Amino acid sequence: MRNLSKLILPLISATVFVVIFYIYFAPSKELGSFSKFGGGSEINQQINVSVVRENGFERDADGRIISFYAKDKNNLSIKITLHEPMIDDIVDAEVVELMGHMHGGNFIATNITILK
């Protein structure tokens, strides 16, 4: 009985930790807002945005995508400039996670992850 009580408390603690971790840190496909980015800040932050296919994709000489437009949850459309050119995977994406910062009126993305 004593060994059982020593096992129950760590098991309950681990379960609570796992539940809190997955609820709080679970990745979300919910759109973010560009308003959280400071205009002159060089600090990279994450944001989920919707790809605006209607505005097209700007490409380099090799045909790789170097910029596109995206909108946030407030329907604010911003030009996304990629730090490194990207292949065509993003053309079919609906929601992407961007890591980057605002520079003037553009968002400079250092990393892109397709969520949906």
PDB file of N, CA and C in Angstrom:
ATOM      1  N   MET A   1       0.820  -1.195   0.000  1.00  0.00           N
ATOM      2  CA  MET A   1       0.000   0.000   0.000  1.00  0.00           C
ATOM      3  C   MET A   1       0.862   1.256   0.000  1.00  0.00           C
ATOM      4  N   ARG A   2       1.962   1.210   0.747  1.00  0.00           N
ATOM      5  CA  ARG A   2       2.828   2.379   0.855  1.00  0.00           C
ATOM      6  C   ARG A   2       3.504   2.674  -0.487  1.00  0.00           C
ATOM      7  N   ASN A   3       3.916   1.623  -1.202  1.00  0.00           N
ATOM      8  CA  ASN A   3       4.534   1.813  -2.513  1.00  0.00           C
ATOM      9  C   ASN A   3       3.538   2.379  -3.515  1.00  0.00           C
ATOM     10  N   LEU A   4       2.297   1.996  -3.369  1.00  0.00           N
ATOM     11  CA  LEU A   4       1.258   2.498  -4.261  1.00  0.00           C
ATOM     12  C   LEU A   4       1.050   4.000  -4.069  1.00  0.00           C
ATOM     13  N   SER A   5       1.066   4.474  -2.829  1.00  0.00           N
ATOM     14  CA  SER A   5       0.877   5.907  -2.578  1.00  0.00           C
ATOM     15  C   SER A   5       2.080   6.718  -3.065  1.00  0.00           C
ATOM     16  N   LYS A   6       3.276   6.148  -3.055  1.00  0.00           N
ATOM     17  CA  LYS A   6       4.458   6.832  -3.585  1.00  0.00           C
ATOM     18  C   LYS A   6       4.391   6.945  -5.108  1.00  0.00           C
ATOM     19  N   LEU A   7       3.667   6.080  -5.744  1.00  0.00           N
ATOM     20  CA  LEU A   7       3.544   6.079  -7.197  1.00  0.00           C
ATOM     21  C   LEU A   7       2.423   7.004  -7.680  1.00  0.00           C
ATOM     22  N   ILE A   8       1.380   7.145  -6.891  1.00  0.00           N
ATOM     23  CA  ILE A   8       0.214   7.919  -7.316  1.00  0.00           C
ATOM     24  C   ILE A   8       0.525   9.408  -7.446  1.00  0.00           C
ATOM     25  N   LEU A   9       1.199  10.021  -6.479  1.00  0.00           N
ATOM     26  CA  LEU A   9       1.480  11.459  -6.525  1.00  0.00           C
ATOM     27  C   LEU A   9       2.334  11.848  -7.739  1.00  0.00           C
ATOM     28  N   PRO A  10       3.431  11.160  -8.034  1.00  0.00           N
ATOM     29  CA  PRO A  10       4.180  11.514  -9.254  1.00  0.00           C
ATOM     30  C   PRO A  10       3.372  11.287 -10.532  1.00  0.00           C
ATOM     31  N   LEU A  11       2.539  10.262 -10.545  1.00  0.00           N
ATOM     32  CA  LEU A  11       1.715   9.984 -11.715  1.00  0.00           C
ATOM     33  C   LEU A  11       0.685  11.097 -11.939  1.00  0.00           C
ATOM     34  N   ILE A  12       0.053  11.556 -10.877  1.00  0.00           N
ATOM     35  CA  ILE A  12      -0.905  12.662 -10.984  1.00  0.00           C
ATOM     36  C   ILE A  12      -0.189  13.940 -11.413  1.00  0.00           C
ATOM     37  N   SER A  13       0.969  14.214 -10.844  1.00  0.00           N
ATOM     38  CA  SER A  13       1.739  15.414 -11.211  1.00  0.00           C
ATOM     39  C   SER A  13       2.139  15.384 -12.678  1.00  0.00           C
ATOM     40  N   ALA A  14       2.601  14.252 -13.153  1.00  0.00           N
ATOM     41  CA  ALA A  14       3.000  14.127 -14.555  1.00  0.00           C
ATOM     42  C   ALA A  14       1.800  14.305 -15.482  1.00  0.00           C
ATOM     43  N   THR A  15       0.664  13.752 -15.107  1.00  0.00           N
ATOM     44  CA  THR A  15      -0.543  13.885 -15.922  1.00  0.00           C
ATOM     45  C   THR A  15      -0.986  15.344 -16.008  1.00  0.00           C
ATOM     46  N   VAL A  16      -0.985  16.044 -14.893  1.00  0.00           N
ATOM     47  CA  VAL A  16      -1.363  17.463 -14.882  1.00  0.00           C
ATOM     48  C   VAL A  16      -0.397  18.268 -15.745  1.00  0.00           C
ATOM     49  N   PHE A  17       0.891  18.004 -15.634  1.00  0.00           N
ATOM     50  CA  PHE A  17       1.896  18.708 -16.436  1.00  0.00           C
ATOM     51  C   PHE A  17       1.667  18.480 -17.927  1.00  0.00           C
ATOM     52  N   VAL A  18       1.422  17.249 -18.338  1.00  0.00           N
ATOM     53  CA  VAL A  18       1.205  16.931 -19.753  1.00  0.00           C
ATOM     54  C   VAL A  18      -0.058  17.617 -20.273  1.00  0.00           C
ATOM     55  N   VAL A  19      -1.127  17.595 -19.504  1.00  0.00           N
ATOM     56  CA  VAL A  19      -2.375  18.231 -19.930  1.00  0.00           C
ATOM     57  C   VAL A  19      -2.183  19.737 -20.087  1.00  0.00           C
ATOM     58  N   ILE A  20      -1.567  20.381 -19.122  1.00  0.00           N
ATOM     59  CA  ILE A  20      -1.319  21.828 -19.212  1.00  0.00           C
ATOM     60  C   ILE A  20      -0.413  22.143 -20.388  1.00  0.00           C
ATOM     61  N   PHE A  21       0.622  21.344 -20.585  1.00  0.00           N
ATOM     62  CA  PHE A  21       1.553  21.576 -21.691  1.00  0.00           C
ATOM     63  C   PHE A  21       0.833  21.525 -23.031  1.00  0.00           C
ATOM     64  N   TYR A  22       0.010  20.518 -23.260  1.00  0.00           N
ATOM     65  CA  TYR A  22      -0.675  20.380 -24.547  1.00  0.00           C
ATOM     66  C   TYR A  22      -1.779  21.415 -24.748  1.00  0.00           C
ATOM     67  N   ILE A  23      -2.421  21.838 -23.687  1.00  0.00           N
ATOM     68  CA  ILE A  23      -3.452  22.867 -23.830  1.00  0.00           C
ATOM     69  C   ILE A  23      -2.813  24.225 -24.110  1.00  0.00           C
ATOM     70  N   TYR A  24      -1.759  24.557 -23.397  1.00  0.00           N
ATOM     71  CA  TYR A  24      -1.157  25.885 -23.511  1.00  0.00           C
ATOM     72  C   TYR A  24      -0.228  26.019 -24.714  1.00  0.00           C
ATOM     73  N   PHE A  25       0.575  25.003 -24.980  1.00  0.00           N
ATOM     74  CA  PHE A  25       1.592  25.095 -26.019  1.00  0.00           C
ATOM     75  C   PHE A  25       1.234  24.394 -27.321  1.00  0.00           C
ATOM     76  N   ALA A  26       0.056  23.843 -27.414  1.00  0.00           N
ATOM     77  CA  ALA A  26      -0.329  23.133 -28.638  1.00  0.00           C
ATOM     78  C   ALA A  26      -0.362  24.109 -29.813  1.00  0.00           C
ATOM     79  N   PRO A  27       0.218  23.707 -30.957  1.00  0.00           N
ATOM     80  CA  PRO A  27       0.179  24.597 -32.118  1.00  0.00           C
ATOM     81  C   PRO A  27      -1.259  24.833 -32.564  1.00  0.00           C
ATOM     82  N   SER A  28      -1.507  26.042 -33.014  1.00  0.00           N
ATOM     83  CA  SER A  28      -2.852  26.430 -33.418  1.00  0.00           C
ATOM     84  C   SER A  28      -2.837  26.923 -34.855  1.00  0.00           C
ATOM     85  N   LYS A  29      -3.943  26.731 -35.550  1.00  0.00           N
ATOM     86  CA  LYS A  29      -4.077  27.245 -36.909  1.00  0.00           C
ATOM     87  C   LYS A  29      -4.856  28.560 -36.907  1.00  0.00           C
ATOM     88  N   GLU A  30      -5.133  29.088 -35.729  1.00  0.00           N
ATOM     89  CA  GLU A  30      -5.859  30.349 -35.605  1.00  0.00           C
ATOM     90  C   GLU A  30      -4.975  31.498 -36.087  1.00  0.00           C
ATOM     91  N   LEU A  31      -5.565  32.402 -36.855  1.00  0.00           N
ATOM     92  CA  LEU A  31      -4.806  33.516 -37.415  1.00  0.00           C
ATOM     93  C   LEU A  31      -4.416  34.510 -36.332  1.00  0.00           C
ATOM     94  N   GLY A  32      -3.217  35.084 -36.490  1.00  0.00           N
ATOM     95  CA  GLY A  32      -2.729  36.107 -35.577  1.00  0.00           C
ATOM     96  C   GLY A  32      -2.975  37.496 -36.138  1.00  0.00           C
ATOM     97  N   SER A  33      -2.383  38.498 -35.483  1.00  0.00           N
ATOM     98  CA  SER A  33      -2.572  39.888 -35.888  1.00  0.00           C
ATOM     99  C   SER A  33      -1.222  40.564 -36.116  1.00  0.00           C
ATOM    100  N   PHE A  34      -1.103  41.268 -37.241  1.00  0.00           N
ATOM    101  CA  PHE A  34       0.121  42.011 -37.530  1.00  0.00           C
ATOM    102  C   PHE A  34       0.306  43.187 -36.575  1.00  0.00           C
ATOM    103  N   SER A  35      -0.735  43.585 -35.865  1.00  0.00           N
ATOM    104  CA  SER A  35      -0.649  44.740 -34.977  1.00  0.00           C
ATOM    105  C   SER A  35       0.298  44.506 -33.800  1.00  0.00           C
ATOM    106  N   LYS A  36       0.636  43.257 -33.501  1.00  0.00           N
ATOM    107  CA  LYS A  36       1.540  42.987 -32.383  1.00  0.00           C
ATOM    108  C   LYS A  36       3.006  43.251 -32.740  1.00  0.00           C
ATOM    109  N   PHE A  37       3.286  43.520 -34.012  1.00  0.00           N
ATOM    110  CA  PHE A  37       4.651  43.753 -34.457  1.00  0.00           C
ATOM    111  C   PHE A  37       4.952  45.242 -34.458  1.00  0.00           C
ATOM    112  N   GLY A  38       6.068  45.616 -33.835  1.00  0.00           N
ATOM    113  CA  GLY A  38       6.505  47.009 -33.865  1.00  0.00           C
ATOM    114  C   GLY A  38       7.142  47.324 -35.203  1.00  0.00           C
ATOM    115  N   GLY A  39       6.925  48.522 -35.720  1.00  0.00           N
ATOM    116  CA  GLY A  39       7.428  48.902 -37.040  1.00  0.00           C
ATOM    117  C   GLY A  39       8.937  48.880 -37.159  1.00  0.00           C
ATOM    118  N   GLY A  40       9.668  49.287 -36.125  1.00  0.00           N
ATOM    119  CA  GLY A  40      11.117  49.362 -36.221  1.00  0.00           C
ATOM    120  C   GLY A  40      11.828  48.218 -35.529  1.00  0.00           C
ATOM    121  N   SER A  41      11.107  47.229 -35.074  1.00  0.00           N
ATOM    122  CA  SER A  41      11.708  46.138 -34.320  1.00  0.00           C
ATOM    123  C   SER A  41      12.308  45.086 -35.241  1.00  0.00           C
ATOM    124  N   GLU A  42      13.494  44.631 -34.900  1.00  0.00           N
ATOM    125  CA  GLU A  42      14.153  43.566 -35.656  1.00  0.00           C
ATOM    126  C   GLU A  42      13.985  42.212 -34.966  1.00  0.00           C
ATOM    127  N   ILE A  43      13.146  42.154 -33.953  1.00  0.00           N
ATOM    128  CA  ILE A  43      12.936  40.915 -33.204  1.00  0.00           C
ATOM    129  C   ILE A  43      11.976  40.024 -33.978  1.00  0.00           C
ATOM    130  N   ASN A  44      12.403  38.794 -34.260  1.00  0.00           N
ATOM    131  CA  ASN A  44      11.561  37.841 -34.983  1.00  0.00           C
ATOM    132  C   ASN A  44      10.503  37.260 -34.052  1.00  0.00           C
ATOM    133  N   GLN A  45       9.269  37.202 -34.553  1.00  0.00           N
ATOM    134  CA  GLN A  45       8.147  36.632 -33.822  1.00  0.00           C
ATOM    135  C   GLN A  45       7.350  35.741 -34.763  1.00  0.00           C
ATOM    136  N   GLN A  46       6.540  34.849 -34.181  1.00  0.00           N
ATOM    137  CA  GLN A  46       5.702  33.956 -34.982  1.00  0.00           C
ATOM    138  C   GLN A  46       4.314  34.547 -35.153  1.00  0.00           C
ATOM    139  N   ILE A  47       3.719  34.260 -36.318  1.00  0.00           N
ATOM    140  CA  ILE A  47       2.340  34.654 -36.586  1.00  0.00           C
ATOM    141  C   ILE A  47       1.754  33.699 -37.620  1.00  0.00           C
ATOM    142  N   ASN A  48       0.499  33.330 -37.433  1.00  0.00           N
ATOM    143  CA  ASN A  48      -0.230  32.539 -38.425  1.00  0.00           C
ATOM    144  C   ASN A  48      -1.030  33.491 -39.299  1.00  0.00           C
ATOM    145  N   VAL A  49      -0.919  33.318 -40.609  1.00  0.00           N
ATOM    146  CA  VAL A  49      -1.616  34.189 -41.558  1.00  0.00           C
ATOM    147  C   VAL A  49      -2.228  33.355 -42.672  1.00  0.00           C
ATOM    148  N   SER A  50      -3.168  33.967 -43.363  1.00  0.00           N
ATOM    149  CA  SER A  50      -3.825  33.341 -44.507  1.00  0.00           C
ATOM    150  C   SER A  50      -3.158  33.841 -45.786  1.00  0.00           C
ATOM    151  N   VAL A  51      -2.827  32.922 -46.691  1.00  0.00           N
ATOM    152  CA  VAL A  51      -2.186  33.278 -47.959  1.00  0.00           C
ATOM    153  C   VAL A  51      -3.237  33.872 -48.892  1.00  0.00           C
ATOM    154  N   VAL A  52      -2.923  35.032 -49.496  1.00  0.00           N
ATOM    155  CA  VAL A  52      -3.823  35.693 -50.450  1.00  0.00           C
ATOM    156  C   VAL A  52      -3.343  35.330 -51.852  1.00  0.00           C
ATOM    157  N   ARG A  53      -3.965  34.320 -52.439  1.00  0.00           N
ATOM    158  CA  ARG A  53      -3.544  33.838 -53.761  1.00  0.00           C
ATOM    159  C   ARG A  53      -3.899  34.821 -54.877  1.00  0.00           C
ATOM    160  N   GLU A  54      -4.947  35.611 -54.688  1.00  0.00           N
ATOM    161  CA  GLU A  54      -5.428  36.517 -55.729  1.00  0.00           C
ATOM    162  C   GLU A  54      -4.383  37.555 -56.135  1.00  0.00           C
ATOM    163  N   ASN A  55      -3.490  37.922 -55.221  1.00  0.00           N
ATOM    164  CA  ASN A  55      -2.471  38.936 -55.515  1.00  0.00           C
ATOM    165  C   ASN A  55      -1.244  38.348 -56.199  1.00  0.00           C
ATOM    166  N   GLY A  56      -1.192  37.046 -56.342  1.00  0.00           N
ATOM    167  CA  GLY A  56      -0.084  36.402 -57.037  1.00  0.00           C
ATOM    168  C   GLY A  56       1.162  36.248 -56.175  1.00  0.00           C
ATOM    169  N   PHE A  57       2.190  35.695 -56.795  1.00  0.00           N
ATOM    170  CA  PHE A  57       3.452  35.405 -56.131  1.00  0.00           C
ATOM    171  C   PHE A  57       4.582  35.981 -56.973  1.00  0.00           C
ATOM    172  N   GLU A  58       5.454  36.751 -56.348  1.00  0.00           N
ATOM    173  CA  GLU A  58       6.609  37.300 -57.053  1.00  0.00           C
ATOM    174  C   GLU A  58       7.713  36.245 -57.049  1.00  0.00           C
ATOM    175  N   ARG A  59       8.357  36.059 -58.205  1.00  0.00           N
ATOM    176  CA  ARG A  59       9.368  35.006 -58.344  1.00  0.00           C
ATOM    177  C   ARG A  59      10.705  35.583 -58.773  1.00  0.00           C
ATOM    178  N   ASP A  60      11.777  34.838 -58.459  1.00  0.00           N
ATOM    179  CA  ASP A  60      13.110  35.232 -58.910  1.00  0.00           C
ATOM    180  C   ASP A  60      13.373  34.655 -60.298  1.00  0.00           C
ATOM    181  N   ALA A  61      14.587  34.814 -60.814  1.00  0.00           N
ATOM    182  CA  ALA A  61      14.928  34.354 -62.165  1.00  0.00           C
ATOM    183  C   ALA A  61      14.832  32.836 -62.304  1.00  0.00           C
ATOM    184  N   ASP A  62      14.976  32.106 -61.188  1.00  0.00           N
ATOM    185  CA  ASP A  62      14.897  30.642 -61.217  1.00  0.00           C
ATOM    186  C   ASP A  62      13.472  30.129 -61.017  1.00  0.00           C
ATOM    187  N   GLY A  63      12.511  31.022 -60.876  1.00  0.00           N
ATOM    188  CA  GLY A  63      11.115  30.616 -60.715  1.00  0.00           C
ATOM    189  C   GLY A  63      10.708  30.328 -59.287  1.00  0.00           C
ATOM    190  N   ARG A  64      11.594  30.563 -58.332  1.00  0.00           N
ATOM    191  CA  ARG A  64      11.259  30.328 -56.923  1.00  0.00           C
ATOM    192  C   ARG A  64      10.556  31.560 -56.349  1.00  0.00           C
ATOM    193  N   ILE A  65       9.648  31.331 -55.437  1.00  0.00           N
ATOM    194  CA  ILE A  65       8.847  32.407 -54.854  1.00  0.00           C
ATOM    195  C   ILE A  65       9.708  33.233 -53.899  1.00  0.00           C
ATOM    196  N   ILE A  66       9.669  34.572 -54.076  1.00  0.00           N
ATOM    197  CA  ILE A  66      10.417  35.462 -53.183  1.00  0.00           C
ATOM    198  C   ILE A  66       9.497  36.389 -52.379  1.00  0.00           C
ATOM    199  N   SER A  67       8.235  36.525 -52.804  1.00  0.00           N
ATOM    200  CA  SER A  67       7.285  37.305 -52.007  1.00  0.00           C
ATOM    201  C   SER A  67       5.853  36.947 -52.393  1.00  0.00           C
ATOM    202  N   PHE A  68       4.947  37.219 -51.469  1.00  0.00           N
ATOM    203  CA  PHE A  68       3.520  36.989 -51.678  1.00  0.00           C
ATOM    204  C   PHE A  68       2.766  37.854 -50.683  1.00  0.00           C
ATOM    205  N   TYR A  69       1.460  37.858 -50.768  1.00  0.00           N
ATOM    206  CA  TYR A  69       0.633  38.625 -49.837  1.00  0.00           C
ATOM    207  C   TYR A  69      -0.097  37.679 -48.891  1.00  0.00           C
ATOM    208  N   ALA A  70      -0.284  38.155 -47.658  1.00  0.00           N
ATOM    209  CA  ALA A  70      -1.007  37.387 -46.646  1.00  0.00           C
ATOM    210  C   ALA A  70      -1.847  38.347 -45.823  1.00  0.00           C
ATOM    211  N   LYS A  71      -2.914  37.802 -45.214  1.00  0.00           N
ATOM    212  CA  LYS A  71      -3.743  38.643 -44.357  1.00  0.00           C
ATOM    213  C   LYS A  71      -3.903  38.004 -42.990  1.00  0.00           C
ATOM    214  N   ASP A  72      -4.084  38.868 -42.005  1.00  0.00           N
ATOM    215  CA  ASP A  72      -4.228  38.413 -40.630  1.00  0.00           C
ATOM    216  C   ASP A  72      -5.703  38.305 -40.246  1.00  0.00           C
ATOM    217  N   LYS A  73      -5.968  38.115 -38.962  1.00  0.00           N
ATOM    218  CA  LYS A  73      -7.353  37.934 -38.509  1.00  0.00           C
ATOM    219  C   LYS A  73      -8.193  39.192 -38.663  1.00  0.00           C
ATOM    220  N   ASN A  74      -7.546  40.355 -38.821  1.00  0.00           N
ATOM    221  CA  ASN A  74      -8.256  41.620 -39.017  1.00  0.00           C
ATOM    222  C   ASN A  74      -8.405  41.973 -40.491  1.00  0.00           C
ATOM    223  N   ASN A  75      -8.114  41.014 -41.377  1.00  0.00           N
ATOM    224  CA  ASN A  75      -8.148  41.191 -42.837  1.00  0.00           C
ATOM    225  C   ASN A  75      -7.173  42.251 -43.331  1.00  0.00           C
ATOM    226  N   LEU A  76      -6.117  42.507 -42.575  1.00  0.00           N
ATOM    227  CA  LEU A  76      -5.060  43.420 -43.003  1.00  0.00           C
ATOM    228  C   LEU A  76      -4.117  42.646 -43.915  1.00  0.00           C
ATOM    229  N   SER A  77      -3.993  43.087 -45.153  1.00  0.00           N
ATOM    230  CA  SER A  77      -3.155  42.404 -46.138  1.00  0.00           C
ATOM    231  C   SER A  77      -1.775  43.058 -46.169  1.00  0.00           C
ATOM    232  N   ILE A  78      -0.729  42.240 -46.044  1.00  0.00           N
ATOM    233  CA  ILE A  78       0.659  42.713 -45.986  1.00  0.00           C
ATOM    234  C   ILE A  78       1.488  41.903 -46.975  1.00  0.00           C
ATOM    235  N   LYS A  79       2.462  42.555 -47.593  1.00  0.00           N
ATOM    236  CA  LYS A  79       3.394  41.849 -48.475  1.00  0.00           C
ATOM    237  C   LYS A  79       4.415  41.111 -47.613  1.00  0.00           C
ATOM    238  N   ILE A  80       4.565  39.821 -47.888  1.00  0.00           N
ATOM    239  CA  ILE A  80       5.519  38.980 -47.180  1.00  0.00           C
ATOM    240  C   ILE A  80       6.727  38.790 -48.089  1.00  0.00           C
ATOM    241  N   THR A  81       7.887  39.215 -47.630  1.00  0.00           N
ATOM    242  CA  THR A  81       9.121  39.034 -48.383  1.00  0.00           C
ATOM    243  C   THR A  81       9.918  37.925 -47.712  1.00  0.00           C
ATOM    244  N   LEU A  82      10.326  36.943 -48.497  1.00  0.00           N
ATOM    245  CA  LEU A  82      11.026  35.787 -47.952  1.00  0.00           C
ATOM    246  C   LEU A  82      12.519  36.058 -47.859  1.00  0.00           C
ATOM    247  N   HIS A  83      13.108  35.639 -46.754  1.00  0.00           N
ATOM    248  CA  HIS A  83      14.552  35.776 -46.556  1.00  0.00           C
ATOM    249  C   HIS A  83      15.306  34.886 -47.538  1.00  0.00           C
ATOM    250  N   GLU A  84      14.761  33.711 -47.786  1.00  0.00           N
ATOM    251  CA  GLU A  84      15.310  32.757 -48.757  1.00  0.00           C
ATOM    252  C   GLU A  84      14.192  32.376 -49.725  1.00  0.00           C
ATOM    253  N   PRO A  85      14.472  32.290 -51.032  1.00  0.00           N
ATOM    254  CA  PRO A  85      13.427  31.886 -51.988  1.00  0.00           C
ATOM    255  C   PRO A  85      12.837  30.523 -51.631  1.00  0.00           C
ATOM    256  N   MET A  86      11.566  30.331 -51.981  1.00  0.00           N
ATOM    257  CA  MET A  86      10.851  29.101 -51.631  1.00  0.00           C
ATOM    258  C   MET A  86      10.280  28.453 -52.882  1.00  0.00           C
ATOM    259  N   ILE A  87      10.152  27.117 -52.822  1.00  0.00           N
ATOM    260  CA  ILE A  87       9.536  26.387 -53.932  1.00  0.00           C
ATOM    261  C   ILE A  87       8.022  26.569 -53.886  1.00  0.00           C
ATOM    262  N   ASP A  88       7.312  25.988 -54.820  1.00  0.00           N
ATOM    263  CA  ASP A  88       5.881  26.235 -55.025  1.00  0.00           C
ATOM    264  C   ASP A  88       4.936  25.637 -53.984  1.00  0.00           C
ATOM    265  N   ASP A  89       5.418  25.035 -52.920  1.00  0.00           N
ATOM    266  CA  ASP A  89       4.529  24.431 -51.922  1.00  0.00           C
ATOM    267  C   ASP A  89       3.538  25.437 -51.343  1.00  0.00           C
ATOM    268  N   ILE A  90       3.937  26.664 -51.235  1.00  0.00           N
ATOM    269  CA  ILE A  90       3.100  27.682 -50.597  1.00  0.00           C
ATOM    270  C   ILE A  90       1.914  28.108 -51.464  1.00  0.00           C
ATOM    271  N   VAL A  91       1.973  27.847 -52.760  1.00  0.00           N
ATOM    272  CA  VAL A  91       0.893  28.249 -53.671  1.00  0.00           C
ATOM    273  C   VAL A  91      -0.424  27.578 -53.289  1.00  0.00           C
ATOM    274  N   ASP A  92      -0.373  26.345 -52.813  1.00  0.00           N
ATOM    275  CA  ASP A  92      -1.579  25.600 -52.447  1.00  0.00           C
ATOM    276  C   ASP A  92      -1.949  25.749 -50.974  1.00  0.00           C
ATOM    277  N   ALA A  93      -1.155  26.481 -50.206  1.00  0.00           N
ATOM    278  CA  ALA A  93      -1.401  26.622 -48.770  1.00  0.00           C
ATOM    279  C   ALA A  93      -2.524  27.614 -48.500  1.00  0.00           C
ATOM    280  N   GLU A  94      -3.248  27.373 -47.430  1.00  0.00           N
ATOM    281  CA  GLU A  94      -4.279  28.307 -46.971  1.00  0.00           C
ATOM    282  C   GLU A  94      -3.773  29.118 -45.785  1.00  0.00           C
ATOM    283  N   VAL A  95      -3.199  28.413 -44.802  1.00  0.00           N
ATOM    284  CA  VAL A  95      -2.682  29.061 -43.597  1.00  0.00           C
ATOM    285  C   VAL A  95      -1.221  28.669 -43.426  1.00  0.00           C
ATOM    286  N   VAL A  96      -0.373  29.671 -43.154  1.00  0.00           N
ATOM    287  CA  VAL A  96       1.047  29.423 -42.922  1.00  0.00           C
ATOM    288  C   VAL A  96       1.469  30.092 -41.621  1.00  0.00           C
ATOM    289  N   GLU A  97       2.488  29.521 -41.008  1.00  0.00           N
ATOM    290  CA  GLU A  97       3.094  30.124 -39.826  1.00  0.00           C
ATOM    291  C   GLU A  97       4.371  30.812 -40.277  1.00  0.00           C
ATOM    292  N   LEU A  98       4.480  32.095 -39.997  1.00  0.00           N
ATOM    293  CA  LEU A  98       5.652  32.867 -40.377  1.00  0.00           C
ATOM    294  C   LEU A  98       6.472  33.189 -39.142  1.00  0.00           C
ATOM    295  N   MET A  99       7.787  33.155 -39.293  1.00  0.00           N
ATOM    296  CA  MET A  99       8.697  33.647 -38.264  1.00  0.00           C
ATOM    297  C   MET A  99       9.432  34.803 -38.909  1.00  0.00           C
ATOM    298  N   GLY A 100       9.318  35.987 -38.335  1.00  0.00           N
ATOM    299  CA  GLY A 100       9.977  37.137 -38.925  1.00  0.00           C
ATOM    300  C   GLY A 100       9.626  38.423 -38.216  1.00  0.00           C
ATOM    301  N   HIS A 101       9.821  39.550 -38.922  1.00  0.00           N
ATOM    302  CA  HIS A 101       9.581  40.866 -38.329  1.00  0.00           C
ATOM    303  C   HIS A 101       9.093  41.843 -39.391  1.00  0.00           C
ATOM    304  N   MET A 102       8.501  42.928 -38.932  1.00  0.00           N
ATOM    305  CA  MET A 102       8.038  43.984 -39.829  1.00  0.00           C
ATOM    306  C   MET A 102       9.213  44.891 -40.170  1.00  0.00           C
ATOM    307  N   HIS A 103       9.271  45.294 -41.433  1.00  0.00           N
ATOM    308  CA  HIS A 103      10.280  46.247 -41.889  1.00  0.00           C
ATOM    309  C   HIS A 103       9.566  47.206 -42.832  1.00  0.00           C
ATOM    310  N   GLY A 104       9.268  48.393 -42.325  1.00  0.00           N
ATOM    311  CA  GLY A 104       8.440  49.311 -43.102  1.00  0.00           C
ATOM    312  C   GLY A 104       7.034  48.738 -43.205  1.00  0.00           C
ATOM    313  N   GLY A 105       6.511  48.645 -44.419  1.00  0.00           N
ATOM    314  CA  GLY A 105       5.181  48.078 -44.626  1.00  0.00           C
ATOM    315  C   GLY A 105       5.201  46.618 -45.000  1.00  0.00           C
ATOM    316  N   ASN A 106       6.384  45.997 -45.002  1.00  0.00           N
ATOM    317  CA  ASN A 106       6.517  44.586 -45.380  1.00  0.00           C
ATOM    318  C   ASN A 106       6.857  43.734 -44.170  1.00  0.00           C
ATOM    319  N   PHE A 107       6.519  42.445 -44.274  1.00  0.00           N
ATOM    320  CA  PHE A 107       6.912  41.473 -43.262  1.00  0.00           C
ATOM    321  C   PHE A 107       8.046  40.650 -43.855  1.00  0.00           C
ATOM    322  N   ILE A 108       9.191  40.631 -43.198  1.00  0.00           N
ATOM    323  CA  ILE A 108      10.344  39.859 -43.652  1.00  0.00           C
ATOM    324  C   ILE A 108      10.305  38.515 -42.936  1.00  0.00           C
ATOM    325  N   ALA A 109      10.073  37.437 -43.687  1.00  0.00           N
ATOM    326  CA  ALA A 109       9.931  36.097 -43.113  1.00  0.00           C
ATOM    327  C   ALA A 109      11.247  35.339 -43.210  1.00  0.00           C
ATOM    328  N   THR A 110      11.751  34.898 -42.062  1.00  0.00           N
ATOM    329  CA  THR A 110      12.966  34.092 -42.037  1.00  0.00           C
ATOM    330  C   THR A 110      12.653  32.607 -42.105  1.00  0.00           C
ATOM    331  N   ASN A 111      11.424  32.232 -41.727  1.00  0.00           N
ATOM    332  CA  ASN A 111      11.026  30.827 -41.762  1.00  0.00           C
ATOM    333  C   ASN A 111       9.521  30.745 -42.026  1.00  0.00           C
ATOM    334  N   ILE A 112       9.121  29.765 -42.838  1.00  0.00           N
ATOM    335  CA  ILE A 112       7.706  29.558 -43.154  1.00  0.00           C
ATOM    336  C   ILE A 112       7.364  28.090 -42.958  1.00  0.00           C
ATOM    337  N   THR A 113       6.255  27.846 -42.262  1.00  0.00           N
ATOM    338  CA  THR A 113       5.741  26.493 -42.076  1.00  0.00           C
ATOM    339  C   THR A 113       4.301  26.464 -42.574  1.00  0.00           C
ATOM    340  N   ILE A 114       3.991  25.518 -43.444  1.00  0.00           N
ATOM    341  CA  ILE A 114       2.627  25.387 -43.961  1.00  0.00           C
ATOM    342  C   ILE A 114       1.790  24.626 -42.939  1.00  0.00           C
ATOM    343  N   LEU A 115       0.696  25.234 -42.486  1.00  0.00           N
ATOM    344  CA  LEU A 115      -0.179  24.615 -41.493  1.00  0.00           C
ATOM    345  C   LEU A 115      -1.404  23.963 -42.111  1.00  0.00           C
ATOM    346  N   LYS A 116      -1.906  24.554 -43.203  1.00  0.00           N
ATOM    347  CA  LYS A 116      -3.145  24.036 -43.801  1.00  0.00           C
ATOM    348  C   LYS A 116      -3.154  24.357 -45.276  1.00  0.00           C
TER     349      LYS A 116
END
